[in-house]
Amino acid sequence: MLLLIALSHAPAFVDGDAGPAPLDAAARFLKSLLADNQARNMFVFLFGYGLVQLARRQEDRGAGWASVKSLLRRRALWLVVVGFLNTVLFVPIDIVAVYGLTLLLLAPLVRAREPVLWWTVALTLVPATLLLAWQSVMAQTRPSTIAEIMEPTLGAHLVASIPSWPAKTVVSVLIVVPAMFVGVLAARRRVLDEPERHLPLLRRVAVIGIGLAVAGRLPAALMAAGAWSTTSAPVSWAVAVAHDLTGYAGGVAMAAVVGLVAARIRRGRLVAALAALGQRSLTFYLFQALLWVVLFYPFALSLHDDMGQAATLGVAAGVWVLSVALADGMRALGHRGPAEILLRKLTYRSYGR
């Protein structure tokens, strides 16, 4: 999950194609096919899944639903705060506050009946896809990157994102709802908790979802790589809708692939290291954001003019490998992620535990 997020984010911090043209075209193709508007959906699916796990643990300890709902909302409020600070201090691409606001608004649905959840997914999927498609079409007509709006000084950087943050966060709630509540539905059945009991379902989801994602996202990936173009507005919209709609299927399918692997793989050092990173995902999501500032911003190392798309994907992969190594070291030393510790203390202190 964090690897895909890094692959999606890192290229946004460079000005253009400073590297070899074939490599940069291949990088844009892979980023569009694998990461854009798909990595987020895997992330959101797992967030929804985790909400049910959290609620289940509390109910197993004897907490009533009113108490659990209060806990979820308290957690949501602090996620909004963390996401705001991430946007202000680090980079203006944040999903944490969107998670928090969505949960704050829709916490009762975590326990809603399945038909209500399915209807919520269905009714939000179309407008969410159209919103994403509109963003994609705008990007086709006028490509833009964060590199274009990076501030030259730290002081200017710290205030630049504040005015647009509320509107961007509110609008983005719609985008995350479909995958989030599919994650809630999956958690009800313990699909990833007990993957060995759900292998046929996981296989179907993985095969169908990845098949749909590849077929639906390939035209946009070819456009991103410069291998194909169109001047037709209807075709541009069709390509964008297909890319972003099947990104939901692909995100859920990638989570299913992880479930299939988890059901078969033997635990070892590598698995333990990956699990350690997953247990500290918020910490290392923020760690990624910090590194983008250090590497690319004009008041830091200012590499945004010196790298092409392919190089940034290499940097993204390197950041992820470093994250795995650091998380594994923290595991070996018995240290939890500082962001997870802080979020838990803030949430449970107000919850009375």
Protein backbone atom coordinates (compact mmCIF):
# COMPACT_ATOMS: atom_id res chain seq x y z
CA MET A 1 0.00 0.00 0.00
CA LEU A 2 2.68 2.49 0.99
CA LEU A 3 4.77 1.55 -2.05
CA LEU A 4 1.86 2.36 -4.36
CA ILE A 5 1.20 5.62 -2.51
CA ALA A 6 4.87 6.57 -2.95
CA LEU A 7 4.76 5.73 -6.66
CA SER A 8 1.67 7.88 -7.01
CA HIS A 9 2.99 10.88 -5.09
CA ALA A 10 6.69 11.24 -5.88
CA PRO A 11 6.33 12.20 -9.59
CA ALA A 12 4.09 15.12 -8.64
CA PHE A 13 7.11 16.94 -7.21
CA VAL A 14 9.16 17.22 -10.42
CA ASP A 15 8.73 19.78 -13.16
CA GLY A 16 8.77 17.52 -16.18
CA ASP A 17 10.79 14.97 -18.09
CA ALA A 18 14.42 15.57 -17.22
CA GLY A 19 15.38 11.95 -17.86
CA PRO A 20 15.62 9.80 -21.00
CA ALA A 21 12.37 10.10 -22.95
CA PRO A 22 11.67 6.35 -23.29
CA LEU A 23 12.20 5.76 -19.57
CA ASP A 24 10.05 8.71 -18.57
CA ALA A 25 7.27 7.56 -20.91
CA ALA A 26 7.43 4.07 -19.41
CA ALA A 27 7.29 5.59 -15.91
CA ARG A 28 4.20 7.63 -16.75
CA PHE A 29 2.58 4.51 -18.20
CA LEU A 30 3.26 2.43 -15.08
CA LYS A 31 2.18 5.21 -12.73
CA SER A 32 -1.13 5.67 -14.55
CA LEU A 33 -1.79 1.94 -14.82
CA LEU A 34 -0.81 0.89 -11.30
CA ALA A 35 -1.08 3.86 -8.96
CA ASP A 36 -3.17 6.86 -10.00
CA ASN A 37 -6.65 6.73 -8.42
CA GLN A 38 -6.05 3.07 -7.57
CA ALA A 39 -3.48 3.09 -4.77
CA ARG A 40 -5.79 5.37 -2.79
CA ASN A 41 -8.65 2.91 -3.16
CA MET A 42 -6.58 0.09 -1.71
CA PHE A 43 -5.63 2.42 1.15
CA VAL A 44 -9.27 3.44 1.73
CA PHE A 45 -10.52 -0.16 1.52
CA LEU A 46 -8.08 -1.15 4.26
CA PHE A 47 -9.06 1.85 6.35
CA GLY A 48 -12.72 0.77 6.24
CA TYR A 49 -11.66 -2.77 7.06
CA GLY A 50 -9.73 -1.56 10.07
CA LEU A 51 -12.70 0.37 11.44
CA VAL A 52 -14.66 -2.85 11.84
CA GLN A 53 -11.70 -4.52 13.53
CA LEU A 54 -11.42 -1.61 15.96
CA ALA A 55 -15.15 -1.68 16.73
CA ARG A 56 -15.13 -5.46 17.14
CA ARG A 57 -12.27 -5.31 19.67
CA GLN A 58 -14.15 -2.76 21.75
CA GLU A 59 -17.40 -4.73 21.65
CA ASP A 60 -15.52 -7.91 22.64
CA ARG A 61 -14.40 -5.99 25.73
CA GLY A 62 -18.00 -5.24 26.60
CA ALA A 63 -18.37 -1.74 25.16
CA GLY A 64 -21.81 -0.81 23.84
CA TRP A 65 -22.36 0.62 20.37
CA ALA A 66 -22.89 4.16 21.67
CA SER A 67 -19.50 4.01 23.34
CA VAL A 68 -17.84 2.53 20.25
CA LYS A 69 -19.39 5.17 18.01
CA SER A 70 -18.05 7.87 20.31
CA LEU A 71 -14.60 6.30 20.05
CA LEU A 72 -14.77 6.20 16.26
CA ARG A 73 -15.74 9.85 16.10
CA ARG A 74 -13.00 10.83 18.51
CA ARG A 75 -10.50 8.98 16.35
CA ALA A 76 -11.96 10.66 13.28
CA LEU A 77 -11.54 14.11 14.78
CA TRP A 78 -7.88 13.53 15.52
CA LEU A 79 -7.31 12.11 12.03
CA VAL A 80 -8.63 15.39 10.65
CA VAL A 81 -6.13 17.25 12.84
CA VAL A 82 -3.25 14.99 11.74
CA GLY A 83 -4.23 15.39 8.09
CA PHE A 84 -4.39 19.17 8.42
CA LEU A 85 -0.92 19.28 9.98
CA ASN A 86 0.40 16.98 7.26
CA THR A 87 -0.94 19.36 4.61
CA VAL A 88 0.47 22.46 6.29
CA LEU A 89 3.86 21.12 7.36
CA PHE A 90 4.59 18.69 4.56
CA VAL A 91 2.71 18.33 1.27
CA PRO A 92 -0.68 19.42 -0.12
CA ILE A 93 -1.74 15.87 -0.99
CA ASP A 94 -3.31 14.26 2.03
CA ILE A 95 -5.81 11.47 2.57
CA VAL A 96 -5.72 11.22 6.37
CA ALA A 97 -7.99 14.22 6.98
CA VAL A 98 -10.40 12.92 4.34
CA TYR A 99 -10.57 9.59 6.20
CA GLY A 100 -11.25 11.43 9.41
CA LEU A 101 -13.97 13.69 8.02
CA THR A 102 -15.67 10.76 6.26
CA LEU A 103 -15.71 8.75 9.48
CA LEU A 104 -16.85 11.76 11.48
CA LEU A 105 -19.84 12.19 9.16
CA LEU A 106 -20.66 8.53 8.55
CA ALA A 107 -19.60 6.68 11.73
CA PRO A 108 -23.09 5.15 12.26
CA LEU A 109 -22.75 3.31 8.94
CA VAL A 110 -19.94 1.16 10.33
CA ARG A 111 -22.69 -0.85 12.02
CA ALA A 112 -25.39 -0.40 9.35
CA ARG A 113 -27.15 -3.34 7.73
CA GLU A 114 -25.49 -4.74 4.62
CA PRO A 115 -28.15 -3.51 2.18
CA VAL A 116 -27.62 0.02 3.50
CA LEU A 117 -23.88 -0.29 2.95
CA TRP A 118 -24.31 -1.66 -0.58
CA TRP A 119 -26.71 1.14 -1.45
CA THR A 120 -24.26 3.68 -0.04
CA VAL A 121 -21.52 2.24 -2.23
CA ALA A 122 -23.74 2.19 -5.32
CA LEU A 123 -25.15 5.69 -4.87
CA THR A 124 -21.76 7.31 -4.28
CA LEU A 125 -19.78 5.40 -6.90
CA VAL A 126 -21.20 7.28 -9.91
CA PRO A 127 -20.73 10.86 -8.64
CA ALA A 128 -17.34 9.95 -7.16
CA THR A 129 -16.20 8.54 -10.51
CA LEU A 130 -17.49 11.59 -12.39
CA LEU A 131 -15.64 13.90 -10.01
CA LEU A 132 -12.41 11.96 -10.51
CA ALA A 133 -12.97 11.85 -14.28
CA TRP A 134 -13.46 15.62 -14.37
CA GLN A 135 -10.14 16.03 -12.56
CA SER A 136 -8.49 13.63 -15.01
CA VAL A 137 -9.88 15.44 -18.07
CA MET A 138 -8.66 18.75 -16.70
CA ALA A 139 -5.23 17.19 -16.21
CA GLN A 140 -5.25 15.98 -19.84
CA THR A 141 -5.92 19.48 -21.13
CA ARG A 142 -3.53 21.27 -18.78
CA PRO A 143 -1.06 18.99 -17.04
CA SER A 144 0.03 20.39 -13.68
CA THR A 145 2.23 19.26 -10.83
CA ILE A 146 2.87 20.29 -7.26
CA ALA A 147 6.30 21.42 -8.48
CA GLU A 148 4.56 24.36 -10.17
CA ILE A 149 3.13 25.66 -6.89
CA MET A 150 5.94 24.89 -4.46
CA GLU A 151 6.89 27.91 -2.40
CA PRO A 152 10.50 29.15 -2.37
CA THR A 153 10.68 29.61 1.41
CA LEU A 154 9.61 27.57 4.41
CA GLY A 155 7.50 30.40 5.80
CA ALA A 156 5.48 30.76 2.60
CA HIS A 157 5.13 26.97 2.40
CA LEU A 158 3.60 26.77 5.86
CA VAL A 159 0.67 29.02 4.95
CA ALA A 160 0.20 28.25 1.25
CA SER A 161 -2.11 25.23 1.59
CA ILE A 162 -4.36 26.52 4.38
CA PRO A 163 -6.93 28.45 2.28
CA SER A 164 -7.71 25.54 -0.06
CA TRP A 165 -7.56 22.75 2.54
CA PRO A 166 -11.18 22.84 3.81
CA ALA A 167 -12.82 22.72 0.36
CA LYS A 168 -10.43 20.03 -0.95
CA THR A 169 -11.02 17.87 2.11
CA VAL A 170 -14.81 18.16 1.99
CA VAL A 171 -15.00 17.41 -1.74
CA SER A 172 -12.69 14.41 -1.39
CA VAL A 173 -15.05 12.72 1.09
CA LEU A 174 -17.23 11.62 -1.81
CA ILE A 175 -14.27 9.96 -3.51
CA VAL A 176 -13.38 7.68 -0.59
CA VAL A 177 -16.84 6.47 0.44
CA PRO A 178 -17.27 3.58 -2.08
CA ALA A 179 -14.03 1.74 -1.31
CA MET A 180 -14.26 2.50 2.41
CA PHE A 181 -17.61 0.77 2.82
CA VAL A 182 -16.62 -2.17 0.63
CA GLY A 183 -13.83 -2.55 3.20
CA VAL A 184 -16.42 -2.48 5.99
CA LEU A 185 -18.41 -5.21 4.24
CA ALA A 186 -15.30 -7.35 3.75
CA ALA A 187 -14.33 -6.97 7.40
CA ARG A 188 -17.78 -8.16 8.49
CA ARG A 189 -16.86 -11.53 6.91
CA ARG A 190 -13.23 -11.47 8.16
CA VAL A 191 -12.07 -11.91 4.58
CA LEU A 192 -8.53 -10.71 5.31
CA ASP A 193 -8.44 -11.78 8.98
CA GLU A 194 -9.02 -15.38 7.90
CA PRO A 195 -8.00 -15.48 4.22
CA GLU A 196 -7.59 -19.25 4.16
CA ARG A 197 -11.37 -19.56 4.65
CA HIS A 198 -12.16 -17.25 1.75
CA LEU A 199 -9.74 -18.33 -0.97
CA PRO A 200 -12.36 -18.79 -3.75
CA LEU A 201 -13.80 -15.33 -3.09
CA LEU A 202 -10.36 -13.74 -2.92
CA ARG A 203 -9.36 -15.40 -6.21
CA ARG A 204 -12.50 -14.17 -7.96
CA VAL A 205 -12.08 -10.64 -6.66
CA ALA A 206 -8.39 -10.60 -7.61
CA VAL A 207 -8.85 -11.98 -11.13
CA ILE A 208 -11.97 -10.01 -12.04
CA GLY A 209 -10.82 -6.79 -10.38
CA ILE A 210 -7.35 -6.81 -11.91
CA GLY A 211 -8.76 -7.78 -15.29
CA LEU A 212 -11.21 -4.87 -15.19
CA ALA A 213 -8.51 -2.49 -13.97
CA VAL A 214 -6.05 -3.40 -16.71
CA ALA A 215 -8.67 -3.18 -19.44
CA GLY A 216 -10.22 0.04 -18.15
CA ARG A 217 -7.00 1.83 -17.27
CA LEU A 218 -4.86 0.89 -20.28
CA PRO A 219 -6.16 3.67 -22.60
CA ALA A 220 -5.40 6.38 -20.04
CA ALA A 221 -1.98 4.85 -19.37
CA LEU A 222 -1.19 4.93 -23.10
CA MET A 223 -2.26 8.58 -23.21
CA ALA A 224 -0.07 9.38 -20.20
CA ALA A 225 2.90 7.78 -21.94
CA GLY A 226 2.29 9.75 -25.13
CA ALA A 227 1.65 6.59 -27.13
CA TRP A 228 -1.87 7.69 -28.04
CA SER A 229 -3.90 10.88 -27.95
CA THR A 230 -7.33 12.19 -28.85
CA THR A 231 -8.90 15.56 -29.55
CA SER A 232 -12.43 14.29 -28.93
CA ALA A 233 -13.97 15.49 -25.68
CA PRO A 234 -16.36 12.49 -25.44
CA VAL A 235 -13.46 10.09 -25.93
CA SER A 236 -11.40 11.92 -23.31
CA TRP A 237 -14.27 11.65 -20.85
CA ALA A 238 -14.81 7.96 -21.64
CA VAL A 239 -11.12 7.23 -21.09
CA ALA A 240 -11.12 9.13 -17.78
CA VAL A 241 -14.31 7.47 -16.52
CA ALA A 242 -12.99 4.00 -17.40
CA HIS A 243 -9.65 4.71 -15.74
CA ASP A 244 -11.11 6.03 -12.50
CA LEU A 245 -14.07 3.65 -12.21
CA THR A 246 -11.92 0.55 -12.66
CA GLY A 247 -9.45 2.04 -10.19
CA TYR A 248 -11.94 1.13 -7.47
CA ALA A 249 -12.00 -2.46 -8.72
CA GLY A 250 -8.22 -2.54 -8.94
CA GLY A 251 -7.68 -1.18 -5.45
CA VAL A 252 -9.94 -3.79 -3.87
CA ALA A 253 -8.39 -6.50 -6.07
CA MET A 254 -4.88 -5.64 -4.89
CA ALA A 255 -6.03 -6.05 -1.29
CA ALA A 256 -7.43 -9.46 -2.30
CA VAL A 257 -4.04 -10.41 -3.79
CA VAL A 258 -2.40 -9.57 -0.47
CA GLY A 259 -4.94 -11.82 1.24
CA LEU A 260 -4.10 -14.67 -1.14
CA VAL A 261 -0.39 -14.23 -0.52
CA ALA A 262 -0.94 -14.05 3.25
CA ALA A 263 -2.83 -17.35 3.16
CA ARG A 264 0.07 -19.13 1.47
CA ILE A 265 3.29 -17.50 2.55
CA ARG A 266 5.37 -18.70 5.46
CA ARG A 267 6.32 -16.19 8.08
CA GLY A 268 9.92 -15.12 7.93
CA ARG A 269 12.10 -12.04 8.24
CA LEU A 270 10.70 -10.34 5.14
CA VAL A 271 7.09 -10.99 6.13
CA ALA A 272 7.80 -9.72 9.64
CA ALA A 273 9.35 -6.55 8.20
CA LEU A 274 6.38 -5.91 5.91
CA ALA A 275 3.98 -6.52 8.78
CA ALA A 276 5.99 -4.08 10.92
CA LEU A 277 5.55 -1.41 8.26
CA GLY A 278 1.83 -2.10 8.05
CA GLN A 279 1.50 -1.74 11.81
CA ARG A 280 3.17 1.68 11.53
CA SER A 281 1.49 2.80 8.32
CA LEU A 282 0.44 6.25 9.56
CA THR A 283 3.95 7.00 10.81
CA PHE A 284 5.51 6.04 7.50
CA TYR A 285 2.86 7.75 5.42
CA LEU A 286 3.90 10.95 7.19
CA PHE A 287 7.55 9.95 6.84
CA GLN A 288 7.08 9.79 3.07
CA ALA A 289 5.54 13.26 3.06
CA LEU A 290 8.47 14.65 5.06
CA LEU A 291 10.96 13.15 2.61
CA TRP A 292 9.15 14.70 -0.37
CA VAL A 293 9.69 18.09 1.25
CA VAL A 294 13.35 17.39 2.00
CA LEU A 295 14.10 16.02 -1.46
CA PHE A 296 12.11 18.27 -3.75
CA TYR A 297 11.19 21.63 -2.23
CA PRO A 298 13.20 24.75 -3.17
CA PHE A 299 14.10 25.57 0.44
CA ALA A 300 15.49 22.03 0.95
CA LEU A 301 17.47 19.87 -1.52
CA SER A 302 15.46 21.26 -4.47
CA LEU A 303 15.74 18.23 -6.74
CA HIS A 304 12.51 19.02 -8.56
CA ASP A 305 14.41 20.39 -11.58
CA ASP A 306 16.95 17.60 -11.76
CA MET A 307 14.89 14.43 -12.03
CA GLY A 308 12.64 12.82 -14.61
CA GLN A 309 9.59 10.65 -14.09
CA ALA A 310 11.53 7.38 -14.10
CA ALA A 311 14.01 8.67 -11.53
CA THR A 312 11.20 9.71 -9.20
CA LEU A 313 9.72 6.22 -9.34
CA GLY A 314 13.14 4.92 -8.35
CA VAL A 315 13.22 7.39 -5.47
CA ALA A 316 9.71 6.30 -4.44
CA ALA A 317 10.78 2.65 -4.37
CA GLY A 318 13.89 3.59 -2.40
CA VAL A 319 11.83 5.52 0.16
CA TRP A 320 9.59 2.48 0.58
CA VAL A 321 12.57 0.12 1.05
CA LEU A 322 14.00 2.52 3.64
CA SER A 323 10.61 2.54 5.37
CA VAL A 324 10.56 -1.26 5.52
CA ALA A 325 14.04 -1.32 7.02
CA LEU A 326 13.24 1.35 9.61
CA ALA A 327 9.94 -0.28 10.57
CA ASP A 328 11.67 -3.63 10.99
CA GLY A 329 14.28 -2.00 13.19
CA MET A 330 11.55 -0.47 15.32
CA ARG A 331 9.89 -3.88 15.58
CA ALA A 332 13.15 -5.49 16.70
CA LEU A 333 13.61 -2.80 19.35
CA GLY A 334 10.00 -3.04 20.50
CA HIS A 335 9.07 0.50 19.43
CA ARG A 336 5.64 1.29 18.02
CA GLY A 337 5.15 4.06 15.47
CA PRO A 338 5.14 7.52 17.08
CA ALA A 339 2.11 8.63 15.04
CA GLU A 340 0.20 5.51 16.12
CA ILE A 341 1.15 6.08 19.77
CA LEU A 342 0.03 9.70 19.65
CA LEU A 343 -3.24 8.93 17.87
CA ARG A 344 -4.04 6.18 20.35
CA LYS A 345 -3.28 8.36 23.37
CA LEU A 346 -5.40 11.23 22.06
CA THR A 347 -8.26 8.95 21.11
CA TYR A 348 -8.41 6.80 24.22
CA ARG A 349 -7.65 9.56 26.70
CA SER A 350 -10.82 11.27 25.60
CA TYR A 351 -12.59 7.93 25.49
CA GLY A 352 -11.81 7.25 29.12
CA ARG A 353 -9.31 4.42 28.73
